[in-house]
N, C-alpha and C. Protein backbone atom coordinates (compact mmCIF):
# COMPACT_ATOMS: atom_id res chain seq x y z
N UNK A 1 -11.83 9.01 18.35
CA UNK A 1 -11.39 8.07 17.47
C UNK A 1 -10.45 6.77 17.79
N UNK A 2 -10.44 5.95 18.26
CA UNK A 2 -9.51 4.80 18.25
C UNK A 2 -9.77 3.95 16.86
N UNK A 3 -8.26 3.56 15.93
CA UNK A 3 -8.36 2.80 15.13
C UNK A 3 -7.07 1.67 15.27
N UNK A 4 -7.89 0.20 15.08
CA UNK A 4 -6.72 -0.53 15.55
C UNK A 4 -7.08 -1.60 14.65
N UNK A 5 -5.51 -2.09 13.96
CA UNK A 5 -5.18 -2.72 12.84
C UNK A 5 -5.44 -4.58 13.18
N UNK A 6 -6.48 -4.87 12.34
CA UNK A 6 -5.90 -6.18 12.87
C UNK A 6 -5.72 -6.92 11.19
N UNK A 7 -5.52 -8.21 10.94
CA UNK A 7 -4.81 -8.78 9.85
C UNK A 7 -5.05 -8.48 8.92
N UNK A 8 -4.30 -7.91 7.82
CA UNK A 8 -4.70 -7.93 6.43
C UNK A 8 -4.91 -6.54 6.47
N UNK A 9 -6.53 -6.22 5.67
CA UNK A 9 -7.05 -5.46 5.38
C UNK A 9 -8.19 -4.96 6.49
N UNK A 10 -8.43 -5.72 7.20
CA UNK A 10 -9.41 -5.55 8.38
C UNK A 10 -9.12 -4.50 9.22
N UNK A 11 -10.17 -3.48 9.75
CA UNK A 11 -9.78 -2.11 10.43
C UNK A 11 -10.83 -2.41 11.76
N UNK A 12 -10.60 -1.78 12.71
CA UNK A 12 -12.27 -1.44 13.70
C UNK A 12 -11.69 -0.28 14.22
N UNK A 13 -13.16 0.62 14.39
CA UNK A 13 -12.97 1.77 14.70
C UNK A 13 -13.64 1.58 15.90
N UNK A 14 -13.57 2.69 16.90
CA UNK A 14 -14.01 2.87 18.31
C UNK A 14 -14.41 4.49 18.43
N UNK A 15 -15.92 4.18 18.86
CA UNK A 15 -15.76 5.93 19.16
C UNK A 15 -17.32 6.41 20.07
N UNK A 16 -16.80 7.04 21.51
CA UNK A 16 -18.30 6.82 22.25
C UNK A 16 -18.85 5.75 22.84
N UNK A 17 -18.06 4.50 22.94
CA UNK A 17 -18.59 3.41 23.18
C UNK A 17 -18.98 2.59 22.25
N UNK A 18 -19.13 3.31 20.50
CA UNK A 18 -19.83 1.83 19.61
C UNK A 18 -18.36 1.56 18.48
N UNK A 19 -19.04 0.68 18.07
CA UNK A 19 -17.93 0.12 17.50
C UNK A 19 -18.28 -0.35 15.55
N UNK A 20 -17.54 0.24 14.99
CA UNK A 20 -17.92 -0.06 13.39
C UNK A 20 -16.22 -1.03 12.75
N UNK A 21 -16.45 -2.33 11.79
CA UNK A 21 -15.73 -3.29 11.67
C UNK A 21 -15.25 -2.62 9.67
N UNK A 22 -14.48 -2.46 9.33
CA UNK A 22 -14.22 -2.67 8.20
C UNK A 22 -12.88 -3.75 7.52
N UNK A 23 -13.71 -4.12 6.31
CA UNK A 23 -13.31 -5.14 5.75
C UNK A 23 -12.40 -6.49 6.63
N UNK A 24 -13.71 -7.24 7.39
CA UNK A 24 -12.97 -8.47 7.67
C UNK A 24 -13.21 -9.45 6.73
N UNK A 25 -11.69 -10.00 6.59
CA UNK A 25 -11.87 -10.89 5.17
C UNK A 25 -10.87 -12.11 5.68
N UNK A 26 -10.69 -12.81 4.65
CA UNK A 26 -10.43 -14.26 4.44
C UNK A 26 -8.89 -14.13 5.40
N UNK A 27 -7.99 -13.20 5.40
CA UNK A 27 -6.64 -13.33 5.85
C UNK A 27 -6.60 -12.81 7.27
N UNK A 28 -7.92 -12.29 7.67
CA UNK A 28 -8.10 -12.10 9.34
C UNK A 28 -8.78 -12.89 10.38
N UNK A 29 -8.15 -12.83 11.31
CA UNK A 29 -8.39 -13.82 12.26
C UNK A 29 -10.01 -13.49 13.04
N UNK A 30 -10.71 -14.73 13.63
CA UNK A 30 -12.10 -13.96 13.71
C UNK A 30 -11.90 -12.66 14.78
N UNK A 31 -12.89 -12.20 14.90
CA UNK A 31 -12.94 -11.30 15.69
C UNK A 31 -13.62 -11.04 16.95
N UNK A 32 -12.96 -10.52 18.20
CA UNK A 32 -13.69 -10.70 19.47
C UNK A 32 -14.09 -9.13 19.73
N UNK A 33 -14.87 -9.23 21.24
CA UNK A 33 -14.81 -8.31 22.04
C UNK A 33 -15.89 -6.93 20.96
N UNK A 34 -17.29 -7.46 20.52
CA UNK A 34 -17.60 -6.62 19.87
C UNK A 34 -19.01 -5.81 20.50
N UNK A 35 -18.64 -5.04 21.77
CA UNK A 35 -19.68 -4.58 22.37
C UNK A 35 -19.96 -3.38 21.58
N UNK A 36 -21.18 -3.11 21.15
CA UNK A 36 -21.18 -1.57 20.67
C UNK A 36 -21.17 -1.66 19.45
N UNK A 37 -21.35 -2.44 18.55
CA UNK A 37 -21.21 -2.63 17.34
C UNK A 37 -22.37 -2.09 16.52
N UNK A 38 -21.99 -0.83 15.58
CA UNK A 38 -23.07 -0.69 14.80
C UNK A 38 -23.13 -0.41 13.49
N UNK A 39 -21.82 -0.75 12.82
CA UNK A 39 -21.96 -1.10 11.29
C UNK A 39 -20.96 -2.05 10.96
N UNK A 40 -20.84 -2.31 9.81
CA UNK A 40 -19.86 -3.46 8.77
C UNK A 40 -19.46 -2.46 7.69
N UNK A 41 -18.46 -1.94 6.74
CA UNK A 41 -18.58 -1.82 5.94
C UNK A 41 -17.40 -2.81 5.30
N UNK A 42 -17.98 -3.11 4.21
CA UNK A 42 -17.34 -3.75 3.29
C UNK A 42 -16.51 -2.80 1.47
N UNK A 43 -15.46 -2.86 1.33
CA UNK A 43 -15.02 -1.69 0.36
C UNK A 43 -15.36 -2.51 -1.42
N UNK A 44 -15.48 -3.94 -1.11
CA UNK A 44 -15.52 -4.82 -2.60
C UNK A 44 -15.45 -6.54 -2.07
N UNK A 45 -16.22 -6.66 -3.67
CA UNK A 45 -16.33 -8.03 -3.13
C UNK A 45 -14.91 -9.30 -3.33
N UNK A 46 -13.95 -8.81 -3.07
CA UNK A 46 -13.29 -9.91 -3.09
C UNK A 46 -12.83 -10.55 -1.64
N UNK A 47 -12.60 -11.78 -1.45
CA UNK A 47 -12.08 -12.58 -0.27
C UNK A 47 -11.65 -11.98 0.79
N UNK A 48 -10.43 -11.80 0.55
CA UNK A 48 -9.28 -11.39 1.21
C UNK A 48 -10.41 -9.84 1.79
N UNK A 49 -11.43 -9.70 2.11
CA UNK A 49 -12.15 -8.22 2.36
C UNK A 49 -13.51 -8.87 3.20
N UNK A 50 -13.89 -9.66 2.49
CA UNK A 50 -14.94 -10.07 3.56
C UNK A 50 -15.09 -11.64 3.27
N UNK A 51 -16.08 -12.49 4.32
CA UNK A 51 -16.27 -13.65 3.92
C UNK A 51 -17.49 -14.05 4.42
N UNK A 52 -18.29 -14.69 4.38
CA UNK A 52 -19.70 -14.70 5.13
C UNK A 52 -19.69 -15.44 6.51
N UNK A 53 -18.58 -15.97 6.60
CA UNK A 53 -18.17 -16.40 8.17
C UNK A 53 -17.70 -15.52 9.25
N UNK A 54 -17.13 -14.35 8.41
CA UNK A 54 -17.08 -13.43 9.80
C UNK A 54 -18.48 -12.65 9.46
N UNK A 55 -19.13 -12.58 8.32
CA UNK A 55 -20.36 -11.49 8.53
C UNK A 55 -21.50 -12.46 9.61
N UNK A 56 -21.27 -14.01 9.55
CA UNK A 56 -22.34 -15.11 10.22
C UNK A 56 -22.02 -14.30 11.90
N UNK A 57 -20.57 -14.37 12.39
CA UNK A 57 -19.91 -13.83 13.77
C UNK A 57 -20.45 -12.82 13.88
N UNK A 58 -19.95 -11.67 13.21
CA UNK A 58 -20.32 -10.12 13.28
C UNK A 58 -22.08 -10.29 13.98
N UNK A 59 -23.05 -10.86 13.18
CA UNK A 59 -24.39 -10.78 13.44
C UNK A 59 -25.00 -11.64 14.26
N UNK A 60 -24.06 -12.29 14.77
CA UNK A 60 -24.11 -13.06 16.20
C UNK A 60 -23.94 -12.19 17.48
N UNK A 61 -23.10 -11.21 17.22
CA UNK A 61 -23.23 -10.23 18.44
C UNK A 61 -23.55 -8.85 18.22
N UNK A 62 -24.29 -8.81 17.18
CA UNK A 62 -25.11 -7.60 16.77
C UNK A 62 -26.13 -7.75 15.94
N UNK A 63 -26.98 -8.68 16.07
CA UNK A 63 -28.36 -9.25 15.14
C UNK A 63 -28.39 -8.41 14.28
N UNK A 64 -28.84 -7.11 14.49
CA UNK A 64 -29.34 -5.95 13.13
C UNK A 64 -28.59 -5.64 12.60
N UNK A 65 -27.04 -5.57 12.77
CA UNK A 65 -26.17 -4.67 12.44
C UNK A 65 -26.34 -4.59 11.01
N UNK A 66 -26.17 -2.82 10.63
CA UNK A 66 -26.13 -2.99 8.85
C UNK A 66 -24.43 -2.86 8.11
N UNK A 67 -24.89 -3.41 6.99
CA UNK A 67 -23.55 -4.29 6.53
C UNK A 67 -23.78 -3.25 5.11
N UNK A 68 -22.42 -2.11 5.40
CA UNK A 68 -22.63 -1.76 4.03
C UNK A 68 -21.47 -2.07 3.00
N UNK A 69 -21.97 -2.33 1.63
CA UNK A 69 -20.93 -2.87 0.97
C UNK A 69 -21.36 -2.26 -0.65
N UNK A 70 -20.60 -2.97 -1.46
CA UNK A 70 -20.72 -2.42 -3.18
C UNK A 70 -21.80 -3.82 -3.50
N UNK A 71 -22.43 -3.49 -4.97
CA UNK A 71 -22.87 -4.10 -5.53
C UNK A 71 -22.62 -5.59 -5.87
N UNK A 72 -20.87 -5.52 -6.28
CA UNK A 72 -20.62 -6.90 -6.02
C UNK A 72 -20.51 -7.54 -5.00
N UNK A 73 -20.59 -7.20 -3.90
CA UNK A 73 -20.55 -8.42 -2.24
C UNK A 73 -22.18 -8.69 -2.42
N UNK A 74 -23.31 -7.82 -2.49
CA UNK A 74 -24.58 -8.49 -2.45
C UNK A 74 -24.56 -9.14 -3.97
N UNK A 75 -24.31 -9.31 -4.95
CA UNK A 75 -24.51 -10.23 -5.58
C UNK A 75 -23.47 -11.42 -5.76
N UNK A 76 -22.77 -11.13 -4.26
CA UNK A 76 -22.18 -12.40 -4.38
C UNK A 76 -22.57 -13.30 -2.91
N UNK A 77 -24.16 -12.86 -2.61
CA UNK A 77 -25.21 -13.53 -2.21
C UNK A 77 -24.64 -13.20 -0.28
N UNK A 78 -24.31 -11.92 -0.37
CA UNK A 78 -23.97 -11.04 1.13
C UNK A 78 -25.05 -10.19 1.34
N UNK A 79 -26.10 -9.76 2.39
CA UNK A 79 -26.97 -9.46 2.53
C UNK A 79 -26.51 -8.17 3.42
N UNK A 80 -26.30 -7.08 2.53
CA UNK A 80 -25.91 -5.98 2.39
C UNK A 80 -27.01 -4.91 2.35
N UNK A 81 -26.63 -4.10 2.76
CA UNK A 81 -27.13 -2.58 1.94
C UNK A 81 -26.08 -1.81 1.16
N UNK A 82 -26.39 -1.39 0.18
CA UNK A 82 -25.32 -1.60 -1.43
C UNK A 82 -25.33 0.09 -1.16
N UNK A 83 -23.74 0.46 -1.32
CA UNK A 83 -23.94 1.89 -1.26
C UNK A 83 -22.35 2.31 -2.70
N UNK A 84 -22.91 3.28 -3.00
CA UNK A 84 -21.90 3.82 -4.31
C UNK A 84 -20.92 4.86 -3.49
N UNK A 85 -19.72 4.88 -4.85
CA UNK A 85 -19.13 6.52 -4.75
C UNK A 85 -20.13 7.70 -4.47
N UNK A 86 -20.06 8.63 -3.50
CA UNK A 86 -20.95 9.41 -3.10
C UNK A 86 -22.17 9.91 -2.51
N UNK A 87 -21.99 8.54 -1.57
CA UNK A 87 -22.96 8.11 -1.06
C UNK A 87 -22.86 8.45 0.62
N UNK A 88 -23.62 8.80 1.36
CA UNK A 88 -23.35 8.91 2.83
C UNK A 88 -23.98 8.23 4.28
N UNK A 89 -23.66 7.74 4.93
CA UNK A 89 -24.36 6.94 6.03
C UNK A 89 -23.93 7.42 7.30
N UNK A 90 -24.75 6.76 8.02
CA UNK A 90 -24.50 7.37 9.24
C UNK A 90 -24.91 6.50 10.30
N UNK A 91 -23.70 5.68 11.21
CA UNK A 91 -24.29 4.45 12.32
C UNK A 91 -23.69 5.37 13.64
N UNK A 92 -24.57 5.24 14.58
CA UNK A 92 -24.02 6.01 15.54
C UNK A 92 -22.94 6.88 15.82
N UNK A 93 -21.81 7.11 16.28
CA UNK A 93 -21.02 8.10 16.43
C UNK A 93 -20.27 8.62 14.25
N UNK A 94 -20.33 7.37 13.79
CA UNK A 94 -19.50 7.50 12.67
C UNK A 94 -20.70 8.10 11.18
N UNK A 95 -19.92 9.21 10.39
CA UNK A 95 -20.66 9.50 9.32
C UNK A 95 -19.49 9.01 8.66
N UNK A 96 -20.28 8.02 7.41
CA UNK A 96 -19.35 7.64 6.64
C UNK A 96 -19.51 7.88 5.05
N UNK A 97 -18.48 8.42 4.23
CA UNK A 97 -18.91 9.06 2.95
C UNK A 97 -18.01 8.03 2.05
N UNK A 98 -18.54 7.86 0.97
CA UNK A 98 -17.98 6.59 -0.13
C UNK A 98 -17.48 7.29 -1.24
N UNK A 99 -16.11 6.68 -1.64
CA UNK A 99 -15.39 7.73 -2.75
C UNK A 99 -14.84 6.97 -3.50
N UNK A 100 -14.16 7.28 -4.83
CA UNK A 100 -13.48 6.56 -5.63
C UNK A 100 -14.33 5.65 -6.94
N UNK A 101 -14.52 4.48 -6.38
CA UNK A 101 -15.81 3.67 -7.65
C UNK A 101 -15.19 2.31 -8.07
N UNK A 102 -13.33 2.06 -8.81
CA UNK A 102 -13.14 1.01 -9.22
C UNK A 102 -11.91 0.27 -8.44
N UNK A 103 -11.93 -0.40 -8.44
CA UNK A 103 -10.24 -1.43 -7.63
C UNK A 103 -9.54 -1.43 -8.84
N UNK A 104 -8.05 -1.40 -8.54
CA UNK A 104 -7.06 -0.99 -9.10
C UNK A 104 -7.05 -2.34 -9.58
N UNK A 105 -6.18 -2.09 -11.38
CA UNK A 105 -6.28 -2.73 -11.93
C UNK A 105 -5.08 -3.90 -11.26
N UNK A 106 -5.48 -5.08 -11.59
CA UNK A 106 -4.49 -5.83 -11.58
C UNK A 106 -3.78 -7.01 -12.67
N UNK A 107 -4.83 -6.97 -13.46
CA UNK A 107 -4.11 -7.31 -14.47
C UNK A 107 -5.30 -7.18 -16.14
N UNK A 108 -5.33 -7.39 -16.93
CA UNK A 108 -5.76 -7.07 -17.76
C UNK A 108 -6.74 -8.08 -18.71
N UNK A 109 -6.48 -8.96 -17.97
CA UNK A 109 -7.22 -10.63 -18.18
C UNK A 109 -7.89 -10.89 -16.49
N UNK A 110 -8.07 -9.87 -15.75
CA UNK A 110 -8.73 -10.04 -14.66
C UNK A 110 -10.03 -9.04 -14.68
N UNK A 111 -11.30 -8.97 -14.28
CA UNK A 111 -12.56 -7.93 -14.56
C UNK A 111 -11.87 -6.96 -12.90
N UNK A 112 -12.26 -5.83 -13.31
CA UNK A 112 -12.05 -4.91 -12.45
C UNK A 112 -13.27 -4.34 -11.81
N UNK A 113 -13.72 -4.57 -10.59
CA UNK A 113 -14.77 -4.28 -10.10
C UNK A 113 -14.56 -3.46 -9.50
N UNK A 114 -16.03 -3.18 -8.56
CA UNK A 114 -16.19 -1.83 -8.18
C UNK A 114 -15.93 -1.73 -6.64
N UNK A 115 -15.18 -0.47 -6.13
CA UNK A 115 -14.51 -0.52 -5.15
C UNK A 115 -15.12 0.83 -4.01
N UNK A 116 -15.38 0.73 -3.16
CA UNK A 116 -15.34 2.27 -2.57
C UNK A 116 -14.18 2.70 -1.15
N UNK A 117 -13.58 4.06 -1.42
CA UNK A 117 -13.20 4.18 -0.48
C UNK A 117 -13.64 4.74 0.68
N UNK A 118 -13.34 4.19 1.88
CA UNK A 118 -14.07 5.12 3.04
C UNK A 118 -13.40 6.39 4.16
N UNK A 119 -13.92 7.48 4.03
CA UNK A 119 -13.54 8.48 4.73
C UNK A 119 -15.02 8.30 5.78
N UNK A 120 -13.98 8.20 7.56
CA UNK A 120 -15.02 8.38 8.30
C UNK A 120 -14.72 9.81 8.95
N UNK A 121 -16.17 10.30 9.91
CA UNK A 121 -16.00 11.51 9.92
C UNK A 121 -15.27 12.94 9.79
N UNK A 122 -14.88 12.74 8.39
CA UNK A 122 -14.13 13.44 7.51
C UNK A 122 -12.76 13.88 8.18
N UNK A 123 -11.88 12.71 8.74
CA UNK A 123 -10.39 12.86 9.66
C UNK A 123 -9.71 11.19 9.33
N UNK A 124 -10.64 10.28 8.96
CA UNK A 124 -10.01 9.15 8.70
C UNK A 124 -10.66 8.38 7.34
N UNK A 125 -9.32 8.16 6.56
CA UNK A 125 -9.32 7.50 5.36
C UNK A 125 -8.94 5.89 4.89
N UNK A 126 -9.51 5.30 4.41
CA UNK A 126 -8.74 4.07 3.98
C UNK A 126 -9.78 3.35 2.49
N UNK A 127 -8.96 3.41 1.48
CA UNK A 127 -9.11 3.58 -0.01
C UNK A 127 -9.62 2.01 -0.79
N UNK A 128 -10.08 1.31 0.41
CA UNK A 128 -10.13 -0.13 -0.36
C UNK A 128 -8.58 -0.53 -0.99
N UNK A 129 -9.15 -0.98 -2.16
CA UNK A 129 -8.06 -1.52 -3.38
C UNK A 129 -7.66 -0.76 -4.37
N UNK A 130 -7.46 0.48 -4.17
CA UNK A 130 -7.49 1.63 -4.80
C UNK A 130 -6.36 3.00 -4.20
N UNK A 131 -6.42 3.64 -5.41
CA UNK A 131 -5.66 5.05 -4.82
C UNK A 131 -6.64 6.44 -5.57
N UNK A 132 -7.50 6.06 -5.44
CA UNK A 132 -8.64 7.34 -5.04
C UNK A 132 -9.04 7.79 -3.41
N UNK A 133 -8.42 9.20 -4.02
CA UNK A 133 -9.30 9.95 -2.98
C UNK A 133 -10.05 11.09 -3.17
N UNK A 134 -10.76 11.19 -1.69
CA UNK A 134 -11.91 12.11 -2.19
C UNK A 134 -10.82 13.35 -2.13
N UNK A 135 -11.87 14.43 -2.49
CA UNK A 135 -11.73 15.51 -3.24
C UNK A 135 -11.33 16.79 -1.81
N UNK A 136 -10.72 17.65 -1.86
CA UNK A 136 -10.90 18.77 -0.58
C UNK A 136 -10.95 18.44 0.55
N UNK A 137 -10.40 17.47 0.98
CA UNK A 137 -10.22 16.70 2.29
C UNK A 137 -8.90 16.66 3.26
N UNK A 138 -8.86 17.33 4.39
CA UNK A 138 -7.81 17.33 5.15
C UNK A 138 -7.64 15.89 6.07
N UNK A 139 -6.76 14.96 5.38
CA UNK A 139 -6.66 13.59 5.71
C UNK A 139 -5.89 13.69 7.16
N UNK A 140 -6.59 13.21 8.46
CA UNK A 140 -6.20 13.42 9.54
C UNK A 140 -5.01 12.52 9.95
N UNK A 141 -6.04 10.95 9.16
CA UNK A 141 -5.25 9.73 9.68
C UNK A 141 -5.81 8.80 8.16
N UNK A 142 -4.35 8.22 7.36
CA UNK A 142 -4.84 7.34 6.17
C UNK A 142 -4.19 5.67 6.61
N UNK A 143 -4.87 4.93 6.21
CA UNK A 143 -4.96 3.74 5.85
C UNK A 143 -4.32 3.45 4.38
N UNK A 144 -3.19 2.85 4.42
CA UNK A 144 -2.59 3.34 3.00
C UNK A 144 -1.86 1.58 2.71
N UNK A 145 -2.57 1.30 1.71
CA UNK A 145 -2.22 -0.23 1.43
C UNK A 145 -0.68 -0.24 1.17
N UNK A 146 -0.48 -1.48 1.32
CA UNK A 146 1.43 -1.68 1.25
C UNK A 146 1.83 -3.14 0.64
N UNK A 147 1.11 -3.58 0.23
CA UNK A 147 1.45 -5.10 -0.39
C UNK A 147 -0.11 -5.82 -1.42
N UNK A 148 0.08 -5.81 -2.17
CA UNK A 148 -1.00 -6.66 -2.96
C UNK A 148 -0.75 -7.01 -4.29
N UNK A 149 -1.31 -7.68 -4.85
CA UNK A 149 -1.13 -7.90 -6.35
C UNK A 149 -1.39 -7.00 -7.64
N UNK A 150 -1.97 -6.08 -7.00
CA UNK A 150 -2.22 -5.06 -7.87
C UNK A 150 -1.21 -3.42 -7.34
N UNK A 151 -0.78 -4.23 -6.58
CA UNK A 151 0.42 -2.76 -5.88
C UNK A 151 1.75 -2.58 -6.31
N UNK A 152 1.86 -1.42 -7.00
CA UNK A 152 3.55 -1.68 -6.94
C UNK A 152 4.21 -0.02 -5.91
N UNK A 153 5.09 -0.46 -5.43
CA UNK A 153 5.25 0.35 -4.20
C UNK A 153 5.90 1.66 -4.68
N UNK A 154 5.84 1.74 -5.83
CA UNK A 154 6.22 3.66 -6.29
C UNK A 154 5.01 4.63 -6.24
N UNK A 155 3.95 3.71 -6.96
CA UNK A 155 2.58 4.18 -7.05
C UNK A 155 2.16 4.31 -5.82
N UNK A 156 2.33 3.62 -4.44
CA UNK A 156 1.88 3.58 -3.24
C UNK A 156 2.10 4.78 -2.52
N UNK A 157 3.15 5.43 -3.03
CA UNK A 157 4.46 6.28 -2.54
C UNK A 157 3.18 7.34 -2.95
N UNK A 158 3.44 7.53 -3.95
CA UNK A 158 2.61 8.59 -5.01
C UNK A 158 1.46 8.94 -4.43
N UNK A 159 0.59 7.72 -4.14
CA UNK A 159 -1.18 8.11 -3.33
C UNK A 159 -0.78 8.29 -1.89
N UNK A 160 0.60 8.42 -1.03
CA UNK A 160 0.54 8.59 -0.24
C UNK A 160 0.95 10.51 -0.07
N UNK A 161 1.97 10.35 -1.12
CA UNK A 161 1.95 11.70 -1.11
C UNK A 161 1.07 12.96 -1.65
N UNK A 162 0.30 12.25 -2.96
CA UNK A 162 -0.84 13.11 -3.03
C UNK A 162 -1.66 13.07 -1.62
N UNK A 163 -1.48 12.09 -0.80
CA UNK A 163 -3.22 12.22 0.30
C UNK A 163 -2.44 13.37 1.32
N UNK A 164 -1.41 13.19 1.30
CA UNK A 164 -0.72 14.51 2.22
C UNK A 164 -1.53 13.90 3.58
N UNK A 165 -1.26 12.81 4.44
CA UNK A 165 -1.90 12.77 5.79
C UNK A 165 -0.90 13.35 6.93
N UNK A 166 -1.72 13.55 7.83
CA UNK A 166 -1.50 14.17 9.34
C UNK A 166 -0.50 12.92 9.83
N UNK A 167 -0.80 12.06 9.43
CA UNK A 167 -0.72 10.30 10.22
C UNK A 167 -0.63 9.38 9.38
N UNK A 168 0.10 8.43 8.66
CA UNK A 168 -0.51 7.40 7.87
C UNK A 168 -0.14 6.39 8.35
N UNK A 169 -0.69 5.08 8.17
CA UNK A 169 0.12 3.67 8.70
C UNK A 169 0.03 2.49 7.48
N UNK A 170 0.67 1.31 7.34
CA UNK A 170 0.41 0.77 6.72
C UNK A 170 -0.93 -0.41 6.77
N UNK A 171 -1.50 -0.72 5.46
CA UNK A 171 -2.47 -1.98 5.70
C UNK A 171 -2.53 -2.68 4.19
N UNK A 172 -3.11 -4.08 4.29
CA UNK A 172 -3.35 -4.81 3.40
C UNK A 172 -1.72 -5.31 3.24
N UNK A 173 -1.58 -6.22 4.09
CA UNK A 173 0.01 -6.58 3.97
C UNK A 173 0.02 -7.88 4.14
N UNK A 174 -0.78 -8.79 4.26
CA UNK A 174 -0.45 -10.31 4.64
C UNK A 174 0.24 -11.00 3.45
N UNK A 175 -0.03 -10.54 2.48
CA UNK A 175 0.86 -11.08 0.80
C UNK A 175 2.28 -10.59 1.06
N UNK A 176 3.02 -9.94 2.38
CA UNK A 176 4.32 -9.71 2.36
C UNK A 176 5.33 -10.32 3.23
N UNK A 177 5.99 -10.98 2.91
CA UNK A 177 6.84 -11.51 3.68
C UNK A 177 7.48 -9.97 4.99
N UNK A 178 8.27 -10.69 6.21
CA UNK A 178 8.47 -10.16 7.38
C UNK A 178 10.07 -8.85 6.63
N UNK A 179 10.86 -9.35 5.79
CA UNK A 179 11.21 -8.36 5.32
C UNK A 179 10.78 -7.34 4.22
N UNK A 180 9.82 -7.67 3.31
CA UNK A 180 9.08 -7.15 2.52
C UNK A 180 8.14 -6.19 3.05
N UNK A 181 7.66 -6.09 4.38
CA UNK A 181 6.43 -5.49 4.80
C UNK A 181 7.66 -4.53 5.25
N UNK A 182 8.68 -4.94 5.99
CA UNK A 182 9.56 -3.41 6.94
C UNK A 182 10.31 -2.24 5.55
N UNK A 183 10.54 -3.33 4.26
CA UNK A 183 10.95 -2.35 3.37
C UNK A 183 9.91 -1.64 2.72
N UNK A 184 8.59 -1.55 2.56
CA UNK A 184 7.94 -1.01 2.30
C UNK A 184 7.20 -0.04 2.78
N UNK A 185 7.02 -0.57 4.19
CA UNK A 185 6.65 0.37 5.33
C UNK A 185 7.58 1.55 5.43
N UNK A 186 8.46 1.59 5.11
CA UNK A 186 9.69 2.09 5.31
C UNK A 186 9.40 3.53 4.24
N UNK A 187 9.53 2.41 2.98
CA UNK A 187 9.01 3.54 1.51
C UNK A 187 7.71 4.74 1.78
N UNK A 188 6.66 4.09 2.43
CA UNK A 188 5.53 4.93 2.49
C UNK A 188 5.85 6.03 4.10
N UNK A 189 6.96 5.39 5.09
CA UNK A 189 7.15 6.42 5.66
C UNK A 189 7.57 7.49 5.48
N UNK A 190 8.50 7.48 4.57
CA UNK A 190 9.17 8.44 3.55
C UNK A 190 8.66 9.73 2.80
N UNK A 191 7.26 9.15 2.71
CA UNK A 191 6.18 9.39 1.46
C UNK A 191 5.52 10.58 2.92
N UNK A 192 4.87 10.15 3.69
CA UNK A 192 4.31 10.67 4.86
C UNK A 192 5.01 12.18 5.27
N UNK A 193 6.38 11.67 5.45
CA UNK A 193 7.20 12.81 5.68
C UNK A 193 7.58 14.00 5.12
N UNK A 194 7.38 13.42 3.95
CA UNK A 194 7.37 14.58 2.83
C UNK A 194 6.80 15.77 3.11
N UNK A 195 5.48 15.40 3.25
CA UNK A 195 4.83 16.75 3.49
C UNK A 195 4.07 17.01 5.29
N UNK A 196 5.50 16.47 6.15
CA UNK A 196 5.22 16.56 7.56
C UNK A 196 4.29 15.75 8.20
N UNK A 197 3.76 14.62 7.92
CA UNK A 197 3.38 14.13 8.45
C UNK A 197 3.94 12.62 9.35
N UNK A 198 3.71 12.02 10.04
CA UNK A 198 3.91 11.27 10.91
C UNK A 198 3.42 9.90 10.45
N UNK A 199 4.38 8.63 10.14
CA UNK A 199 4.51 7.37 10.03
C UNK A 199 3.98 5.81 11.30
N UNK A 200 3.29 5.40 11.24
CA UNK A 200 3.18 4.85 12.46
C UNK A 200 3.05 3.51 11.99
N UNK A 201 4.04 2.46 12.61
CA UNK A 201 4.23 1.34 12.09
C UNK A 201 3.32 0.56 13.53
N UNK A 202 2.03 -0.23 12.57
CA UNK A 202 1.25 -1.28 13.35
C UNK A 202 0.79 -2.28 13.04
N UNK A 203 1.57 -3.35 14.07
CA UNK A 203 1.05 -4.39 14.01
C UNK A 203 -0.72 -4.89 14.13
N UNK A 204 -0.93 -6.13 13.85
CA UNK A 204 -2.43 -6.50 14.29
C UNK A 204 -2.63 -6.33 15.53
N UNK A 205 -3.38 -5.77 15.77
CA UNK A 205 -4.20 -5.86 17.34
C UNK A 205 -3.46 -4.27 17.70
N UNK A 206 -2.81 -3.81 17.37
CA UNK A 206 -2.20 -2.50 17.89
C UNK A 206 -3.05 -1.21 17.56
N UNK A 207 -3.07 -0.38 17.90
CA UNK A 207 -4.39 0.70 17.85
C UNK A 207 -3.37 2.19 17.78
N UNK A 208 -4.25 3.35 16.86
CA UNK A 208 -3.66 4.84 16.90
C UNK A 208 -5.09 5.37 16.70
N UNK A 209 -4.89 6.47 17.27
CA UNK A 209 -5.79 7.74 17.99
C UNK A 209 -6.28 8.75 16.97
N UNK A 210 -7.12 9.15 16.63
CA UNK A 210 -7.29 10.79 15.67
C UNK A 210 -8.57 11.05 16.23
């Protein structure tokens, strides 16, 4: 399975000629080359993780593609299949289980929304905007958030330490300067290496295999 990082939190998964898109949000450039699109997954309702414009373009590429998302995304007006933690869906060669349940706290004045972490084919995990992990899973590849209003780098490091991935890369990064991104990536690399893992620094458009 090939995972391509796009801007901010958007990810493209490709396997056996099929494609799945995760979190095509407001900081992500329009996506192209969408042959074989079989699913779209949105982890929560915030605009940096989905936009109506992205969904319109994705459905133009694959008219009947299922879009799996939380109830908050549906309440925002999107035509989606609502999923919750504990659910499992299959789309082409991808089996997706949903985990977690809540977005990490930004501030007590800001409502906490539902968020689902995404485990694909039992090998790739992306938590959305949370530090919640699936239980009893050997994570071969982790997409680890690296920059956000809700993120403290020490907590992000603890998340990677707890996940113990074989490989990891940083995502959710458009809120950081170049200097800040490099600094935070170095901290996640250290955390990955503590359990014998390898950290991969991916720029938008670059890919890794798992």
